[in-house]
């Protein structure tokens, strides 16, 4: 089973070079960036267009070379590793998916294992295992071509291909941005479940702060020009934004976003009533507080029974949720 590796960026910079009237000009794409990502963490890079998020990913797998600084993966400087070998050990998923249109699903997912000369039996097992993990039925999709799949299915195959060779590090660049909101939410949930199972380290790029809060172990907020504004856990980012820029980017509804980071299991419950009032809803303790608050506000009793393992455990109130946030 793959396990994640550490990623360290120390004072890393990268320049864009453009031709102007006065000759070649340079501007920073990434400017003096330092980040530490622990093994198994999901580090989400978020910020406006042109802030250096995608360039940062490409620096890690050497699709872009830094003009200054050091990048270490599992303690080893990436410049000391052959770029082709480096990339074979790092999964890479992009928004456009990048599946080979002339290859079947099986052939797409098996790309890197074939390059690594895995035995065919092992490749078959791995492909089917990953398709199952992604919620796809191998017997139905294995021989299909990308054009025969829906957008959500293609995105799942793209993630499966990136995980095929059991990489300890996965780079994901706006991977769910091209699908509709319902499919996107489902893909996010599946991604979190898979990542927790595999323990893979992930660097994940998005422009959507809600996605960053939902998926990230830690979140790096970028400014235009490739400078880091804040690097913190989602809870810290929402509770204590570093400055006005981060606060504005996190949104005026930061308090509500914070509620989504906790569940009813974190709230002090009141004893169960002898007789449950009519209209009182029932919520599992795994329900996040943002959803629970919405349910309570829509309830005539403004309370709900909380269940643990299917059995009633107590009653939650609006005030209890407010106190927990």
C-alpha atoms as a PDB file:
ATOM      1  CA  UNK A   1       0.000   0.000   0.000  1.00  0.00           C
ATOM      2  CA  UNK A   2       1.489   3.373  -0.959  1.00  0.00           C
ATOM      3  CA  UNK A   3       2.389   5.813   1.770  1.00  0.00           C
ATOM      4  CA  UNK A   4       2.933   9.504   1.350  1.00  0.00           C
ATOM      5  CA  UNK A   5       6.237  11.347   1.314  1.00  0.00           C
ATOM      6  CA  UNK A   6       7.218  14.786   2.549  1.00  0.00           C
ATOM      7  CA  UNK A   7       7.493  17.738   0.167  1.00  0.00           C
ATOM      8  CA  UNK A   8       9.558  20.809   1.022  1.00  0.00           C
ATOM      9  CA  UNK A   9       9.932  24.037  -0.928  1.00  0.00           C
ATOM     10  CA  UNK A  10      12.643  26.354   0.373  1.00  0.00           C
ATOM     11  CA  UNK A  11      12.669  29.939  -0.946  1.00  0.00           C
ATOM     12  CA  UNK A  12      11.652  28.780  -4.417  1.00  0.00           C
ATOM     13  CA  UNK A  13      11.243  31.258  -7.261  1.00  0.00           C
ATOM     14  CA  UNK A  14      10.419  30.877 -10.941  1.00  0.00           C
ATOM     15  CA  UNK A  15      10.293  33.504 -13.669  1.00  0.00           C
ATOM     16  CA  UNK A  16       8.093  33.985 -16.702  1.00  0.00           C
ATOM     17  CA  UNK A  17       9.972  35.394 -19.678  1.00  0.00           C
ATOM     18  CA  UNK A  18       8.089  37.454 -22.253  1.00  0.00           C
ATOM     19  CA  UNK A  19       9.109  39.503 -25.249  1.00  0.00           C
ATOM     20  CA  UNK A  20       8.401  43.240 -24.993  1.00  0.00           C
ATOM     21  CA  UNK A  21       9.231  46.312 -27.004  1.00  0.00           C
ATOM     22  CA  UNK A  22      12.436  46.742 -25.055  1.00  0.00           C
ATOM     23  CA  UNK A  23      13.427  43.076 -25.396  1.00  0.00           C
ATOM     24  CA  UNK A  24      12.935  40.086 -23.126  1.00  0.00           C
ATOM     25  CA  UNK A  25      11.256  40.862 -19.832  1.00  0.00           C
ATOM     26  CA  UNK A  26      10.858  38.736 -16.715  1.00  0.00           C
ATOM     27  CA  UNK A  27       8.209  38.651 -14.032  1.00  0.00           C
ATOM     28  CA  UNK A  28       7.813  36.259 -11.108  1.00  0.00           C
ATOM     29  CA  UNK A  29       5.481  33.316 -11.519  1.00  0.00           C
ATOM     30  CA  UNK A  30       6.468  32.025  -8.056  1.00  0.00           C
ATOM     31  CA  UNK A  31       8.239  34.386  -5.678  1.00  0.00           C
ATOM     32  CA  UNK A  32      10.321  33.136  -2.737  1.00  0.00           C
ATOM     33  CA  UNK A  33       7.888  30.356  -1.822  1.00  0.00           C
ATOM     34  CA  UNK A  34       8.473  28.139   1.210  1.00  0.00           C
ATOM     35  CA  UNK A  35       6.109  25.273   2.082  1.00  0.00           C
ATOM     36  CA  UNK A  36       6.431  22.086   4.130  1.00  0.00           C
ATOM     37  CA  UNK A  37       3.982  19.260   3.429  1.00  0.00           C
ATOM     38  CA  UNK A  38       4.065  16.282   5.772  1.00  0.00           C
ATOM     39  CA  UNK A  39       3.629  12.698   4.540  1.00  0.00           C
ATOM     40  CA  UNK A  40      -0.032  11.901   3.932  1.00  0.00           C
ATOM     41  CA  UNK A  41      -1.223  15.510   3.995  1.00  0.00           C
ATOM     42  CA  UNK A  42      -3.453  17.167   1.403  1.00  0.00           C
ATOM     43  CA  UNK A  43      -1.953  20.587   0.730  1.00  0.00           C
ATOM     44  CA  UNK A  44      -4.380  22.741  -1.277  1.00  0.00           C
ATOM     45  CA  UNK A  45      -3.023  25.694  -3.238  1.00  0.00           C
ATOM     46  CA  UNK A  46      -5.726  28.305  -3.739  1.00  0.00           C
ATOM     47  CA  UNK A  47      -5.790  31.770  -5.194  1.00  0.00           C
ATOM     48  CA  UNK A  48      -6.818  33.850  -8.221  1.00  0.00           C
ATOM     49  CA  UNK A  49      -5.767  33.113 -11.794  1.00  0.00           C
ATOM     50  CA  UNK A  50      -2.123  33.886 -12.471  1.00  0.00           C
ATOM     51  CA  UNK A  51      -0.959  33.520  -8.871  1.00  0.00           C
ATOM     52  CA  UNK A  52       1.484  30.641  -9.486  1.00  0.00           C
ATOM     53  CA  UNK A  53      -0.512  27.632  -8.287  1.00  0.00           C
ATOM     54  CA  UNK A  54      -0.039  25.489 -11.397  1.00  0.00           C
ATOM     55  CA  UNK A  55       3.569  26.612 -11.765  1.00  0.00           C
ATOM     56  CA  UNK A  56       4.221  25.380  -8.220  1.00  0.00           C
ATOM     57  CA  UNK A  57       3.004  21.899  -9.163  1.00  0.00           C
ATOM     58  CA  UNK A  58       5.174  21.912 -12.271  1.00  0.00           C
ATOM     59  CA  UNK A  59       8.192  22.904 -10.201  1.00  0.00           C
ATOM     60  CA  UNK A  60       7.732  19.800  -8.049  1.00  0.00           C
ATOM     61  CA  UNK A  61       7.781  17.391 -11.026  1.00  0.00           C
ATOM     62  CA  UNK A  62      10.289  19.525 -12.978  1.00  0.00           C
ATOM     63  CA  UNK A  63       8.031  20.494 -15.841  1.00  0.00           C
ATOM     64  CA  UNK A  64       9.281  23.952 -14.836  1.00  0.00           C
ATOM     65  CA  UNK A  65      12.753  24.534 -13.416  1.00  0.00           C
ATOM     66  CA  UNK A  66      13.192  27.009 -10.516  1.00  0.00           C
ATOM     67  CA  UNK A  67      15.328  30.111 -10.864  1.00  0.00           C
ATOM     68  CA  UNK A  68      16.144  29.954  -7.146  1.00  0.00           C
ATOM     69  CA  UNK A  69      15.572  27.762  -4.102  1.00  0.00           C
ATOM     70  CA  UNK A  70      15.376  24.035  -3.426  1.00  0.00           C
ATOM     71  CA  UNK A  71      12.581  21.465  -3.720  1.00  0.00           C
ATOM     72  CA  UNK A  72      12.851  18.231  -1.749  1.00  0.00           C
ATOM     73  CA  UNK A  73      10.625  15.171  -2.124  1.00  0.00           C
ATOM     74  CA  UNK A  74      11.143  12.610   0.625  1.00  0.00           C
ATOM     75  CA  UNK A  75      14.236  14.593   1.624  1.00  0.00           C
ATOM     76  CA  UNK A  76      15.859  14.376  -1.801  1.00  0.00           C
ATOM     77  CA  UNK A  77      16.481  17.362  -4.066  1.00  0.00           C
ATOM     78  CA  UNK A  78      14.386  16.852  -7.211  1.00  0.00           C
ATOM     79  CA  UNK A  79      17.247  18.247  -9.315  1.00  0.00           C
ATOM     80  CA  UNK A  80      19.296  15.195  -8.355  1.00  0.00           C
ATOM     81  CA  UNK A  81      16.725  12.878  -9.970  1.00  0.00           C
ATOM     82  CA  UNK A  82      16.316  12.235 -13.694  1.00  0.00           C
ATOM     83  CA  UNK A  83      13.148  14.141 -14.700  1.00  0.00           C
ATOM     84  CA  UNK A  84      11.607  11.147 -16.482  1.00  0.00           C
ATOM     85  CA  UNK A  85      12.158   8.852 -13.499  1.00  0.00           C
ATOM     86  CA  UNK A  86      10.932  11.574 -11.141  1.00  0.00           C
ATOM     87  CA  UNK A  87       7.647  11.958 -13.040  1.00  0.00           C
ATOM     88  CA  UNK A  88       7.031   8.214 -13.164  1.00  0.00           C
ATOM     89  CA  UNK A  89       7.018   8.247  -9.375  1.00  0.00           C
ATOM     90  CA  UNK A  90       4.580  11.177  -9.104  1.00  0.00           C
ATOM     91  CA  UNK A  91       0.925  11.000 -10.105  1.00  0.00           C
ATOM     92  CA  UNK A  92      -0.371  13.979 -12.094  1.00  0.00           C
ATOM     93  CA  UNK A  93      -4.026  14.864 -12.752  1.00  0.00           C
ATOM     94  CA  UNK A  94      -5.164  17.940 -14.685  1.00  0.00           C
ATOM     95  CA  UNK A  95      -8.561  19.517 -15.306  1.00  0.00           C
ATOM     96  CA  UNK A  96      -8.555  18.549 -18.980  1.00  0.00           C
ATOM     97  CA  UNK A  97      -7.996  14.952 -17.804  1.00  0.00           C
ATOM     98  CA  UNK A  98      -5.465  14.272 -20.574  1.00  0.00           C
ATOM     99  CA  UNK A  99      -6.625  10.737 -21.380  1.00  0.00           C
ATOM    100  CA  UNK A 100      -5.240   9.304 -24.601  1.00  0.00           C
ATOM    101  CA  UNK A 101      -8.292   9.289 -26.911  1.00  0.00           C
ATOM    102  CA  UNK A 102      -7.015   6.389 -29.052  1.00  0.00           C
ATOM    103  CA  UNK A 103      -6.521   4.118 -26.029  1.00  0.00           C
ATOM    104  CA  UNK A 104      -9.104   2.217 -24.008  1.00  0.00           C
ATOM    105  CA  UNK A 105      -9.721   2.853 -20.326  1.00  0.00           C
ATOM    106  CA  UNK A 106      -7.579  -0.171 -19.514  1.00  0.00           C
ATOM    107  CA  UNK A 107      -4.710   1.047 -21.690  1.00  0.00           C
ATOM    108  CA  UNK A 108      -4.907   4.545 -20.219  1.00  0.00           C
ATOM    109  CA  UNK A 109      -4.800   3.379 -16.606  1.00  0.00           C
ATOM    110  CA  UNK A 110      -2.035   0.869 -17.388  1.00  0.00           C
ATOM    111  CA  UNK A 111       0.251   3.476 -19.014  1.00  0.00           C
ATOM    112  CA  UNK A 112       2.844   3.934 -16.241  1.00  0.00           C
ATOM    113  CA  UNK A 113       2.814   0.302 -15.011  1.00  0.00           C
ATOM    114  CA  UNK A 114       3.632  -0.733 -18.586  1.00  0.00           C
ATOM    115  CA  UNK A 115       6.501   1.769 -18.679  1.00  0.00           C
ATOM    116  CA  UNK A 116       7.732   0.287 -15.401  1.00  0.00           C
ATOM    117  CA  UNK A 117       7.501  -3.190 -16.960  1.00  0.00           C
ATOM    118  CA  UNK A 118       5.105  -4.633 -14.421  1.00  0.00           C
ATOM    119  CA  UNK A 119       3.917  -8.181 -15.223  1.00  0.00           C
ATOM    120  CA  UNK A 120       0.657  -8.099 -17.160  1.00  0.00           C
ATOM    121  CA  UNK A 121      -1.217 -10.042 -14.463  1.00  0.00           C
ATOM    122  CA  UNK A 122      -0.240  -7.450 -11.872  1.00  0.00           C
ATOM    123  CA  UNK A 123      -1.327  -4.631 -14.185  1.00  0.00           C
ATOM    124  CA  UNK A 124      -4.734  -6.257 -14.757  1.00  0.00           C
ATOM    125  CA  UNK A 125      -5.284  -6.615 -11.016  1.00  0.00           C
ATOM    126  CA  UNK A 126      -4.237  -3.018 -10.376  1.00  0.00           C
ATOM    127  CA  UNK A 127      -6.451  -1.572 -13.113  1.00  0.00           C
ATOM    128  CA  UNK A 128      -9.527  -3.443 -11.908  1.00  0.00           C
ATOM    129  CA  UNK A 129      -8.772  -2.550  -8.275  1.00  0.00           C
ATOM    130  CA  UNK A 130      -8.572   1.152  -9.104  1.00  0.00           C
ATOM    131  CA  UNK A 131     -11.672   1.163 -11.282  1.00  0.00           C
ATOM    132  CA  UNK A 132     -13.588  -0.439  -8.422  1.00  0.00           C
ATOM    133  CA  UNK A 133     -12.128   2.158  -6.043  1.00  0.00           C
ATOM    134  CA  UNK A 134     -13.336   4.939  -8.339  1.00  0.00           C
ATOM    135  CA  UNK A 135     -16.864   3.583  -8.412  1.00  0.00           C
ATOM    136  CA  UNK A 136     -16.553   2.216 -11.969  1.00  0.00           C
ATOM    137  CA  UNK A 137     -17.461  -1.320 -12.988  1.00  0.00           C
ATOM    138  CA  UNK A 138     -14.351  -2.771 -14.687  1.00  0.00           C
ATOM    139  CA  UNK A 139     -16.307  -5.153 -16.907  1.00  0.00           C
ATOM    140  CA  UNK A 140     -18.344  -2.264 -18.325  1.00  0.00           C
ATOM    141  CA  UNK A 141     -15.712   0.437 -18.808  1.00  0.00           C
ATOM    142  CA  UNK A 142     -12.399  -1.401 -19.234  1.00  0.00           C
ATOM    143  CA  UNK A 143     -12.661  -1.662 -23.026  1.00  0.00           C
ATOM    144  CA  UNK A 144     -14.349   1.693 -23.646  1.00  0.00           C
ATOM    145  CA  UNK A 145     -12.651   4.739 -25.129  1.00  0.00           C
ATOM    146  CA  UNK A 146     -12.702   8.164 -23.424  1.00  0.00           C
ATOM    147  CA  UNK A 147     -15.237   9.516 -25.923  1.00  0.00           C
ATOM    148  CA  UNK A 148     -17.688   6.846 -24.739  1.00  0.00           C
ATOM    149  CA  UNK A 149     -17.569   8.054 -21.112  1.00  0.00           C
ATOM    150  CA  UNK A 150     -19.285  10.901 -19.283  1.00  0.00           C
ATOM    151  CA  UNK A 151     -17.234  13.803 -17.932  1.00  0.00           C
ATOM    152  CA  UNK A 152     -17.356  12.425 -14.409  1.00  0.00           C
ATOM    153  CA  UNK A 153     -16.298   8.972 -15.587  1.00  0.00           C
ATOM    154  CA  UNK A 154     -13.372  10.413 -17.550  1.00  0.00           C
ATOM    155  CA  UNK A 155     -12.271  12.326 -14.480  1.00  0.00           C
ATOM    156  CA  UNK A 156     -12.368   9.149 -12.392  1.00  0.00           C
ATOM    157  CA  UNK A 157     -10.273   7.332 -14.993  1.00  0.00           C
ATOM    158  CA  UNK A 158      -7.785  10.210 -14.947  1.00  0.00           C
ATOM    159  CA  UNK A 159      -7.375   9.861 -11.179  1.00  0.00           C
ATOM    160  CA  UNK A 160      -7.086   6.072 -11.522  1.00  0.00           C
ATOM    161  CA  UNK A 161      -4.321   6.481 -14.095  1.00  0.00           C
ATOM    162  CA  UNK A 162      -2.433   8.840 -11.777  1.00  0.00           C
ATOM    163  CA  UNK A 163      -2.651   6.296  -8.938  1.00  0.00           C
ATOM    164  CA  UNK A 164      -1.886   3.229 -11.038  1.00  0.00           C
ATOM    165  CA  UNK A 165       1.797   2.878 -10.160  1.00  0.00           C
ATOM    166  CA  UNK A 166       1.110   3.519  -6.455  1.00  0.00           C
ATOM    167  CA  UNK A 167       2.842   6.914  -6.328  1.00  0.00           C
ATOM    168  CA  UNK A 168       3.586   8.299  -2.859  1.00  0.00           C
ATOM    169  CA  UNK A 169       2.920  11.816  -4.211  1.00  0.00           C
ATOM    170  CA  UNK A 170      -0.027  13.033  -6.283  1.00  0.00           C
ATOM    171  CA  UNK A 171      -0.244  16.422  -8.009  1.00  0.00           C
ATOM    172  CA  UNK A 172      -3.780  17.515  -8.939  1.00  0.00           C
ATOM    173  CA  UNK A 173      -4.447  20.665 -10.981  1.00  0.00           C
ATOM    174  CA  UNK A 174      -8.117  21.744 -10.893  1.00  0.00           C
ATOM    175  CA  UNK A 175      -9.069  18.070 -11.346  1.00  0.00           C
ATOM    176  CA  UNK A 176     -12.810  18.504 -10.748  1.00  0.00           C
ATOM    177  CA  UNK A 177     -13.317  21.923 -12.310  1.00  0.00           C
ATOM    178  CA  UNK A 178     -14.801  20.687 -15.591  1.00  0.00           C
ATOM    179  CA  UNK A 179     -17.730  18.715 -14.148  1.00  0.00           C
ATOM    180  CA  UNK A 180     -21.096  19.885 -12.845  1.00  0.00           C
ATOM    181  CA  UNK A 181     -21.511  20.732  -9.120  1.00  0.00           C
ATOM    182  CA  UNK A 182     -23.318  17.511  -8.169  1.00  0.00           C
ATOM    183  CA  UNK A 183     -20.693  15.270  -9.792  1.00  0.00           C
ATOM    184  CA  UNK A 184     -17.953  17.494  -8.400  1.00  0.00           C
ATOM    185  CA  UNK A 185     -19.171  17.047  -4.818  1.00  0.00           C
ATOM    186  CA  UNK A 186     -19.325  13.284  -5.313  1.00  0.00           C
ATOM    187  CA  UNK A 187     -15.806  13.203  -6.776  1.00  0.00           C
ATOM    188  CA  UNK A 188     -14.505  15.247  -3.851  1.00  0.00           C
ATOM    189  CA  UNK A 189     -16.002  12.781  -1.370  1.00  0.00           C
ATOM    190  CA  UNK A 190     -14.579   9.804  -3.279  1.00  0.00           C
ATOM    191  CA  UNK A 191     -11.171  11.469  -3.474  1.00  0.00           C
ATOM    192  CA  UNK A 192     -11.083  12.056   0.294  1.00  0.00           C
ATOM    193  CA  UNK A 193     -12.045   8.444   1.009  1.00  0.00           C
ATOM    194  CA  UNK A 194      -9.376   7.121  -1.364  1.00  0.00           C
ATOM    195  CA  UNK A 195      -6.687   9.462  -0.047  1.00  0.00           C
ATOM    196  CA  UNK A 196      -7.373   8.445   3.543  1.00  0.00           C
ATOM    197  CA  UNK A 197      -7.178   4.779   2.536  1.00  0.00           C
ATOM    198  CA  UNK A 198      -3.914   5.103   0.602  1.00  0.00           C
ATOM    199  CA  UNK A 199      -2.169   7.759   2.700  1.00  0.00           C
ATOM    200  CA  UNK A 200      -0.826   9.462  -0.424  1.00  0.00           C
ATOM    201  CA  UNK A 201       0.612  12.976  -0.100  1.00  0.00           C
ATOM    202  CA  UNK A 202      -1.349  15.362  -2.338  1.00  0.00           C
ATOM    203  CA  UNK A 203      -0.710  18.835  -3.707  1.00  0.00           C
ATOM    204  CA  UNK A 204      -4.066  20.032  -5.007  1.00  0.00           C
ATOM    205  CA  UNK A 205      -4.683  23.232  -6.993  1.00  0.00           C
ATOM    206  CA  UNK A 206      -8.058  24.980  -7.038  1.00  0.00           C
ATOM    207  CA  UNK A 207      -9.472  28.490  -7.372  1.00  0.00           C
ATOM    208  CA  UNK A 208     -12.483  27.493  -5.240  1.00  0.00           C
ATOM    209  CA  UNK A 209     -11.981  28.303  -1.555  1.00  0.00           C
ATOM    210  CA  UNK A 210     -14.882  26.010  -0.535  1.00  0.00           C
ATOM    211  CA  UNK A 211     -13.136  23.093  -2.236  1.00  0.00           C
ATOM    212  CA  UNK A 212      -9.894  24.049  -0.508  1.00  0.00           C
ATOM    213  CA  UNK A 213     -11.562  24.107   2.913  1.00  0.00           C
ATOM    214  CA  UNK A 214     -13.276  20.766   2.304  1.00  0.00           C
ATOM    215  CA  UNK A 215     -10.270  18.858   0.981  1.00  0.00           C
ATOM    216  CA  UNK A 216      -7.208  20.406   2.562  1.00  0.00           C
ATOM    217  CA  UNK A 217      -5.272  19.268   5.582  1.00  0.00           C
ATOM    218  CA  UNK A 218      -3.582  22.632   5.130  1.00  0.00           C
ATOM    219  CA  UNK A 219      -4.329  25.440   2.705  1.00  0.00           C
ATOM    220  CA  UNK A 220      -1.849  27.772   0.992  1.00  0.00           C
ATOM    221  CA  UNK A 221      -3.433  31.051  -0.125  1.00  0.00           C
ATOM    222  CA  UNK A 222      -1.504  32.744  -2.955  1.00  0.00           C
ATOM    223  CA  UNK A 223      -1.444  36.349  -4.094  1.00  0.00           C
ATOM    224  CA  UNK A 224      -1.046  37.366  -7.728  1.00  0.00           C
ATOM    225  CA  UNK A 225       2.677  37.354  -8.423  1.00  0.00           C
ATOM    226  CA  UNK A 226       3.312  33.997  -6.785  1.00  0.00           C
ATOM    227  CA  UNK A 227       3.698  35.128  -3.179  1.00  0.00           C
ATOM    228  CA  UNK A 228       2.271  33.183  -0.257  1.00  0.00           C
ATOM    229  CA  UNK A 229      -0.310  35.111   1.783  1.00  0.00           C
ATOM    230  CA  UNK A 230      -1.035  32.433   4.419  1.00  0.00           C
ATOM    231  CA  UNK A 231      -0.401  28.723   5.000  1.00  0.00           C
ATOM    232  CA  UNK A 232      -2.591  27.188   7.673  1.00  0.00           C
ATOM    233  CA  UNK A 233      -5.149  24.550   8.528  1.00  0.00           C
ATOM    234  CA  UNK A 234      -8.649  25.279   7.211  1.00  0.00           C
ATOM    235  CA  UNK A 235      -9.878  26.024  10.731  1.00  0.00           C
ATOM    236  CA  UNK A 236      -7.009  28.447  11.422  1.00  0.00           C
ATOM    237  CA  UNK A 237      -7.444  30.118   8.047  1.00  0.00           C
ATOM    238  CA  UNK A 238     -11.148  30.772   8.667  1.00  0.00           C
ATOM    239  CA  UNK A 239     -10.786  31.771  12.308  1.00  0.00           C
ATOM    240  CA  UNK A 240      -7.645  33.895  11.972  1.00  0.00           C
ATOM    241  CA  UNK A 241      -7.008  35.122   8.417  1.00  0.00           C
ATOM    242  CA  UNK A 242      -3.559  36.691   8.161  1.00  0.00           C
ATOM    243  CA  UNK A 243      -4.819  39.946   6.636  1.00  0.00           C
ATOM    244  CA  UNK A 244      -7.667  41.592   4.765  1.00  0.00           C
ATOM    245  CA  UNK A 245      -6.739  39.906   1.499  1.00  0.00           C
ATOM    246  CA  UNK A 246      -7.042  36.418   3.020  1.00  0.00           C
ATOM    247  CA  UNK A 247     -10.231  37.371   4.850  1.00  0.00           C
ATOM    248  CA  UNK A 248     -11.805  38.640   1.634  1.00  0.00           C
ATOM    249  CA  UNK A 249     -10.683  35.588  -0.284  1.00  0.00           C
ATOM    250  CA  UNK A 250     -12.037  33.225   2.400  1.00  0.00           C
ATOM    251  CA  UNK A 251     -15.391  34.995   2.126  1.00  0.00           C
ATOM    252  CA  UNK A 252     -17.793  36.879   4.327  1.00  0.00           C
ATOM    253  CA  UNK A 253     -19.406  33.558   5.313  1.00  0.00           C
ATOM    254  CA  UNK A 254     -16.249  32.324   7.085  1.00  0.00           C
ATOM    255  CA  UNK A 255     -18.234  31.455  10.207  1.00  0.00           C
ATOM    256  CA  UNK A 256     -20.516  29.181   8.184  1.00  0.00           C
ATOM    257  CA  UNK A 257     -17.546  27.596   6.430  1.00  0.00           C
ATOM    258  CA  UNK A 258     -16.021  26.830   9.839  1.00  0.00           C
ATOM    259  CA  UNK A 259     -19.172  24.919  10.742  1.00  0.00           C
ATOM    260  CA  UNK A 260     -18.540  22.506   7.857  1.00  0.00           C
ATOM    261  CA  UNK A 261     -15.239  21.452   9.485  1.00  0.00           C
ATOM    262  CA  UNK A 262     -16.933  19.953  12.564  1.00  0.00           C
ATOM    263  CA  UNK A 263     -19.681  17.391  13.087  1.00  0.00           C
ATOM    264  CA  UNK A 264     -22.414  16.800  15.650  1.00  0.00           C
ATOM    265  CA  UNK A 265     -19.993  14.453  17.410  1.00  0.00           C
ATOM    266  CA  UNK A 266     -18.177  17.631  18.569  1.00  0.00           C
ATOM    267  CA  UNK A 267     -21.275  19.208  20.178  1.00  0.00           C
ATOM    268  CA  UNK A 268     -22.548  18.838  23.745  1.00  0.00           C
ATOM    269  CA  UNK A 269     -25.960  17.150  23.600  1.00  0.00           C
ATOM    270  CA  UNK A 270     -28.966  17.524  25.853  1.00  0.00           C
ATOM    271  CA  UNK A 271     -30.708  14.452  27.305  1.00  0.00           C
ATOM    272  CA  UNK A 272     -33.348  12.756  25.211  1.00  0.00           C
ATOM    273  CA  UNK A 273     -36.908  13.871  25.975  1.00  0.00           C
ATOM    274  CA  UNK A 274     -39.395  11.362  27.364  1.00  0.00           C
ATOM    275  CA  UNK A 275     -41.581  12.082  24.354  1.00  0.00           C
ATOM    276  CA  UNK A 276     -40.186  13.342  21.071  1.00  0.00           C
ATOM    277  CA  UNK A 277     -42.049  16.445  19.817  1.00  0.00           C
ATOM    278  CA  UNK A 278     -43.723  16.203  16.424  1.00  0.00           C
ATOM    279  CA  UNK A 279     -41.498  17.393  13.586  1.00  0.00           C
ATOM    280  CA  UNK A 280     -38.195  16.895  15.412  1.00  0.00           C
ATOM    281  CA  UNK A 281     -35.668  15.647  12.805  1.00  0.00           C
ATOM    282  CA  UNK A 282     -33.088  12.922  13.368  1.00  0.00           C
ATOM    283  CA  UNK A 283     -29.450  13.446  12.363  1.00  0.00           C
ATOM    284  CA  UNK A 284     -26.444  11.118  12.488  1.00  0.00           C
ATOM    285  CA  UNK A 285     -23.572  12.411  14.592  1.00  0.00           C
ATOM    286  CA  UNK A 286     -21.382  12.389  11.454  1.00  0.00           C
ATOM    287  CA  UNK A 287     -23.475  15.278  10.030  1.00  0.00           C
ATOM    288  CA  UNK A 288     -21.408  18.450   9.636  1.00  0.00           C
ATOM    289  CA  UNK A 289     -22.539  21.436  11.681  1.00  0.00           C
ATOM    290  CA  UNK A 290     -23.318  23.615   8.669  1.00  0.00           C
ATOM    291  CA  UNK A 291     -25.863  21.105   7.358  1.00  0.00           C
ATOM    292  CA  UNK A 292     -27.150  20.407  10.872  1.00  0.00           C
ATOM    293  CA  UNK A 293     -27.748  24.110  11.493  1.00  0.00           C
ATOM    294  CA  UNK A 294     -29.699  24.414   8.254  1.00  0.00           C
ATOM    295  CA  UNK A 295     -31.849  21.420   9.254  1.00  0.00           C
ATOM    296  CA  UNK A 296     -32.509  22.829  12.715  1.00  0.00           C
ATOM    297  CA  UNK A 297     -33.450  26.262  11.416  1.00  0.00           C
ATOM    298  CA  UNK A 298     -35.958  24.610   9.064  1.00  0.00           C
ATOM    299  CA  UNK A 299     -37.439  22.515  11.879  1.00  0.00           C
ATOM    300  CA  UNK A 300     -40.418  23.798  13.887  1.00  0.00           C
ATOM    301  CA  UNK A 301     -38.711  22.580  17.086  1.00  0.00           C
ATOM    302  CA  UNK A 302     -35.275  24.069  16.222  1.00  0.00           C
ATOM    303  CA  UNK A 303     -33.817  20.906  17.751  1.00  0.00           C
ATOM    304  CA  UNK A 304     -32.907  17.441  16.487  1.00  0.00           C
ATOM    305  CA  UNK A 305     -32.238  13.979  17.841  1.00  0.00           C
ATOM    306  CA  UNK A 306     -28.632  12.939  17.249  1.00  0.00           C
ATOM    307  CA  UNK A 307     -28.012   9.260  16.566  1.00  0.00           C
ATOM    308  CA  UNK A 308     -24.806   7.340  17.211  1.00  0.00           C
ATOM    309  CA  UNK A 309     -24.516   4.017  15.418  1.00  0.00           C
ATOM    310  CA  UNK A 310     -28.217   4.275  14.589  1.00  0.00           C
ATOM    311  CA  UNK A 311     -29.313   4.692  18.224  1.00  0.00           C
ATOM    312  CA  UNK A 312     -30.523   7.995  19.735  1.00  0.00           C
ATOM    313  CA  UNK A 313     -27.724   9.654  21.743  1.00  0.00           C
ATOM    314  CA  UNK A 314     -29.169  13.023  22.701  1.00  0.00           C
ATOM    315  CA  UNK A 315     -30.660  16.254  21.448  1.00  0.00           C
ATOM    316  CA  UNK A 316     -28.837  19.116  19.730  1.00  0.00           C
ATOM    317  CA  UNK A 317     -30.018  22.721  19.733  1.00  0.00           C
ATOM    318  CA  UNK A 318     -29.237  25.770  17.629  1.00  0.00           C
ATOM    319  CA  UNK A 319     -27.483  27.366  20.615  1.00  0.00           C
ATOM    320  CA  UNK A 320     -25.277  24.289  21.076  1.00  0.00           C
ATOM    321  CA  UNK A 321     -24.120  24.493  17.459  1.00  0.00           C
ATOM    322  CA  UNK A 322     -23.496  28.236  17.799  1.00  0.00           C
ATOM    323  CA  UNK A 323     -21.390  27.579  20.888  1.00  0.00           C
ATOM    324  CA  UNK A 324     -19.365  24.882  19.158  1.00  0.00           C
ATOM    325  CA  UNK A 325     -18.361  27.226  16.306  1.00  0.00           C
END
